[in-house]
Amino acid sequence: MNILNTIKIIAPGIRYDLSKPLLKMFDESIKGDTLYLNYSYLYDVDKDFFDKEEAFKYSLNKIKEVDLSKYNEIIFIGKSIGSYISGRLIATLNLPRAKFICITPLDITLPYLRQTDYIVYGTKDKYLSDKGREFLKYRFVNLSVIDDANHRLEVGDEAKNKKVLDQIKIEGLTYLECSNYME
């Protein structure tokens, strides 16, 4: 039973939507309302181009349709480009009490991260620069670095991937102080 009035705002990656393991797991594990930001239509496959500014504007407009004042808990869950959009939304909307599960941030996400956010990335993530890793290394207390994991936080075989998923779930829900979310 969720004793809090919670909304989850899920901002996916370009090719990592709600059907993928991490986002699906957090969506199912955290009770409350869900706002799913579906900006995948902005990705041009032929040109391999994604308009992050349009995705941000779309996301801002979608959030403005929701009365956030009726929620005493706001949780952003952002994956890849969704981490940038989430962080920027938190800053733009001035939501200092919002919690943020930041999955595989990009370098453009880093200016929007706060010390209170939960951040997870893999050591083999090609979308986070060495400079970005160094920035994260000593500044964030809720930082989880997964050895040998790629941008999808996969490390190899199914059994190892399952262990990583379980680890991230435990860490993420602990970060949220989630005893009231789990059934």
Foldseek 3Di string as FASTA:
>chain_A
DAPFAEEEEEAEDLPGACVDQQNVVVVQQFDHHYHYQDPNVQQDPVVRDHDLVVSLVSSLVSVVVDDCVVGPEYEYEAAESRLQSVLVSCVVVVPVRYEYAYAQYAPNNVVSDDQLYAYEDEPAAPRHDPVNCVSPPPRHPNYYYHYCAYSSGDRDDPVVSVVSSVVSSVSVCVSVVNPSRGD
